[in-house]
C-alpha atoms as a PDB file:
ATOM      1  CA  MET A   1     -34.721 -32.537  86.379  1.00  0.00           C
ATOM      2  CA  GLU A   2     -36.384 -29.792  88.288  1.00  0.00           C
ATOM      3  CA  THR A   3     -39.191 -30.195  90.765  1.00  0.00           C
ATOM      4  CA  VAL A   4     -42.368 -28.264  90.346  1.00  0.00           C
ATOM      5  CA  PHE A   5     -42.725 -27.816  94.085  1.00  0.00           C
ATOM      6  CA  SER A   6     -41.272 -24.928  96.000  1.00  0.00           C
ATOM      7  CA  PRO A   7     -38.365 -25.573  98.407  1.00  0.00           C
ATOM      8  CA  ALA A   8     -40.688 -25.065 101.391  1.00  0.00           C
ATOM      9  CA  VAL A   9     -43.042 -27.821 100.171  1.00  0.00           C
ATOM     10  CA  THR A  10     -40.116 -30.136  99.475  1.00  0.00           C
ATOM     11  CA  ASP A  11     -38.738 -29.538 102.973  1.00  0.00           C
ATOM     12  CA  SER A  12     -42.189 -30.157 104.474  1.00  0.00           C
ATOM     13  CA  VAL A  13     -42.483 -33.433 102.574  1.00  0.00           C
ATOM     14  CA  ARG A  14     -39.007 -34.530 103.718  1.00  0.00           C
ATOM     15  CA  SER A  15     -39.831 -33.594 107.291  1.00  0.00           C
ATOM     16  CA  ALA A  16     -43.139 -35.478 107.097  1.00  0.00           C
ATOM     17  CA  THR A  17     -41.319 -38.492 105.626  1.00  0.00           C
ATOM     18  CA  LYS A  18     -38.783 -38.489 108.452  1.00  0.00           C
ATOM     19  CA  ASP A  19     -41.552 -38.128 111.034  1.00  0.00           C
ATOM     20  CA  ALA A  20     -43.486 -41.000 109.436  1.00  0.00           C
ATOM     21  CA  GLN A  21     -40.366 -43.204 109.425  1.00  0.00           C
ATOM     22  CA  LYS A  22     -39.671 -42.344 113.074  1.00  0.00           C
ATOM     23  CA  LEU A  23     -43.288 -43.075 113.962  1.00  0.00           C
ATOM     24  CA  GLY A  24     -43.073 -46.394 112.101  1.00  0.00           C
ATOM     25  CA  GLN A  25     -39.897 -47.319 113.990  1.00  0.00           C
ATOM     26  CA  ASP A  26     -41.498 -46.332 117.296  1.00  0.00           C
ATOM     27  CA  VAL A  27     -44.571 -48.442 116.532  1.00  0.00           C
ATOM     28  CA  LYS A  28     -42.360 -51.353 115.494  1.00  0.00           C
ATOM     29  CA  GLY A  29     -40.363 -51.033 118.753  1.00  0.00           C
ATOM     30  CA  GLU A  30     -43.521 -50.868 120.855  1.00  0.00           C
ATOM     31  CA  PHE A  31     -44.927 -53.879 119.027  1.00  0.00           C
ATOM     32  CA  LYS A  32     -41.757 -55.876 119.693  1.00  0.00           C
ATOM     33  CA  ASP A  33     -41.947 -54.896 123.367  1.00  0.00           C
ATOM     34  CA  ALA A  34     -45.595 -55.946 123.524  1.00  0.00           C
ATOM     35  CA  VAL A  35     -44.792 -59.297 121.898  1.00  0.00           C
ATOM     36  CA  SER A  36     -41.913 -59.832 124.323  1.00  0.00           C
ATOM     37  CA  ARG A  37     -44.125 -59.012 127.314  1.00  0.00           C
ATOM     38  CA  GLY A  38     -46.824 -61.304 125.923  1.00  0.00           C
ATOM     39  CA  ARG A  39     -44.328 -64.158 125.658  1.00  0.00           C
ATOM     40  CA  ASP A  40     -43.155 -63.539 129.213  1.00  0.00           C
ATOM     41  CA  ILE A  41     -46.717 -63.499 130.488  1.00  0.00           C
ATOM     42  CA  ALA A  42     -47.534 -66.683 128.567  1.00  0.00           C
ATOM     43  CA  GLY A  43     -44.423 -68.334 129.990  1.00  0.00           C
ATOM     44  CA  HIS A  44     -45.371 -67.359 133.541  1.00  0.00           C
ATOM     45  CA  PHE A  45     -48.930 -68.531 132.951  1.00  0.00           C
ATOM     46  CA  ALA A  46     -47.705 -71.886 131.621  1.00  0.00           C
ATOM     47  CA  THR A  47     -45.406 -72.297 134.614  1.00  0.00           C
ATOM     48  CA  ASP A  48     -48.201 -71.424 137.039  1.00  0.00           C
ATOM     49  CA  ALA A  49     -50.597 -73.800 135.278  1.00  0.00           C
ATOM     50  CA  ARG A  50     -48.006 -76.586 135.381  1.00  0.00           C
ATOM     51  CA  THR A  51     -47.396 -75.976 139.092  1.00  0.00           C
ATOM     52  CA  ALA A  52     -51.128 -76.004 139.824  1.00  0.00           C
ATOM     53  CA  ALA A  53     -51.583 -79.212 137.836  1.00  0.00           C
ATOM     54  CA  ASP A  54     -48.690 -80.859 139.677  1.00  0.00           C
ATOM     55  CA  GLU A  55     -50.163 -79.840 143.035  1.00  0.00           C
ATOM     56  CA  LEU A  56     -53.592 -81.122 142.020  1.00  0.00           C
ATOM     57  CA  SER A  57     -52.101 -84.391 140.797  1.00  0.00           C
ATOM     58  CA  GLU A  58     -50.167 -84.842 144.041  1.00  0.00           C
ATOM     59  CA  ARG A  59     -53.299 -84.135 146.051  1.00  0.00           C
ATOM     60  CA  ALA A  60     -55.297 -86.651 144.001  1.00  0.00           C
ATOM     61  CA  LYS A  61     -52.613 -89.299 144.576  1.00  0.00           C
ATOM     62  CA  GLU A  62     -52.675 -88.636 148.324  1.00  0.00           C
ATOM     63  CA  THR A  63     -56.473 -88.849 148.393  1.00  0.00           C
ATOM     64  CA  LEU A  64     -56.433 -92.090 146.403  1.00  0.00           C
ATOM     65  CA  LEU A  65     -53.822 -93.589 148.728  1.00  0.00           C
ATOM     66  CA  GLU A  66     -55.828 -92.538 151.790  1.00  0.00           C
ATOM     67  CA  GLY A  67     -58.991 -94.043 150.282  1.00  0.00           C
ATOM     68  CA  ARG A  68     -57.145 -97.256 149.527  1.00  0.00           C
ATOM     69  CA  ASN A  69     -55.852 -97.451 153.093  1.00  0.00           C
ATOM     70  CA  ARG A  70     -59.327 -96.844 154.515  1.00  0.00           C
ATOM     71  CA  ALA A  71     -60.856 -99.494 152.233  1.00  0.00           C
ATOM     72  CA  SER A  72     -58.144-101.952 153.219  1.00  0.00           C
ATOM     73  CA  LYS A  73     -58.810-101.312 156.919  1.00  0.00           C
ATOM     74  CA  ALA A  74     -62.563-101.730 156.377  1.00  0.00           C
ATOM     75  CA  VAL A  75     -62.038-105.025 154.554  1.00  0.00           C
ATOM     76  CA  GLY A  76     -59.761-106.150 157.377  1.00  0.00           C
ATOM     77  CA  ARG A  77     -62.401-105.268 159.976  1.00  0.00           C
ATOM     78  CA  VAL A  78     -65.127-107.090 158.038  1.00  0.00           C
ATOM     79  CA  SER A  79     -62.866-110.110 157.665  1.00  0.00           C
ATOM     80  CA  ASP A  80     -62.034-110.051 161.390  1.00  0.00           C
ATOM     81  CA  TYR A  81     -65.745-109.751 162.252  1.00  0.00           C
ATOM     82  CA  ALA A  82     -66.575-112.667 159.944  1.00  0.00           C
ATOM     83  CA  ASP A  83     -63.802-114.757 161.515  1.00  0.00           C
ATOM     84  CA  ASN A  84     -64.993-113.974 165.062  1.00  0.00           C
ATOM     85  CA  ASN A  85     -68.727-114.440 164.298  1.00  0.00           C
ATOM     86  CA  THR A  86     -68.747-117.292 161.774  1.00  0.00           C
ATOM     87  CA  ALA A  87     -72.122-118.696 162.814  1.00  0.00           C
ATOM     88  CA  LEU A  88     -73.844-115.309 162.657  1.00  0.00           C
ATOM     89  CA  VAL A  89     -72.339-114.503 159.254  1.00  0.00           C
ATOM     90  CA  THR A  90     -73.328-117.932 157.920  1.00  0.00           C
ATOM     91  CA  VAL A  91     -76.927-117.528 159.075  1.00  0.00           C
ATOM     92  CA  ALA A  92     -77.096-114.002 157.650  1.00  0.00           C
ATOM     93  CA  ALA A  93     -75.690-115.167 154.290  1.00  0.00           C
ATOM     94  CA  PHE A  94     -78.137-118.090 154.232  1.00  0.00           C
ATOM     95  CA  GLY A  95     -81.059-115.751 155.027  1.00  0.00           C
ATOM     96  CA  ALA A  96     -79.978-113.263 152.327  1.00  0.00           C
ATOM     97  CA  GLY A  97     -79.736-116.144 149.843  1.00  0.00           C
ATOM     98  CA  MET A  98     -83.191-117.409 150.743  1.00  0.00           C
ATOM     99  CA  LEU A  99     -84.696-113.915 150.408  1.00  0.00           C
ATOM    100  CA  LEU A 100     -82.971-113.351 147.069  1.00  0.00           C
ATOM    101  CA  GLY A 101     -84.091-116.781 145.826  1.00  0.00           C
ATOM    102  CA  TYR A 102     -87.656-116.040 146.856  1.00  0.00           C
ATOM    103  CA  LEU A 103     -87.661-112.661 145.112  1.00  0.00           C
ATOM    104  CA  VAL A 104     -86.188-114.123 141.910  1.00  0.00           C
ATOM    105  CA  THR A 105     -88.594-117.093 141.689  1.00  0.00           C
ATOM    106  CA  ARG A 106     -91.726-115.273 142.750  1.00  0.00           C
ATOM    107  CA  ARG A 107     -94.267-114.575 140.010  1.00  0.00           C
ATOM    108  CA  SER A 108     -95.850-111.188 139.527  1.00  0.00           C
END
């Protein structure tokens, strides 16, 4: 079967086909490289995010522990004050109870 195209046209078509295939392979290679770089970047981002979250979690634990210690010391000081000034605390509690009772039973 003979072609109707001249040998120059046939050679041009073959050359264009080879160029298109090479271009397709180059694009495919570049795409694979881009995907690989994207995966690497995503992996680094995930690692950085995990590290930041761990640091934040550790900091929150330290802050909570410090707050707990401060609250415990404050409760200890209040307890010590109440033990050393029992009469004053009793009178203050009685007065607060009387005031609260008055406010609750008072009519508008």
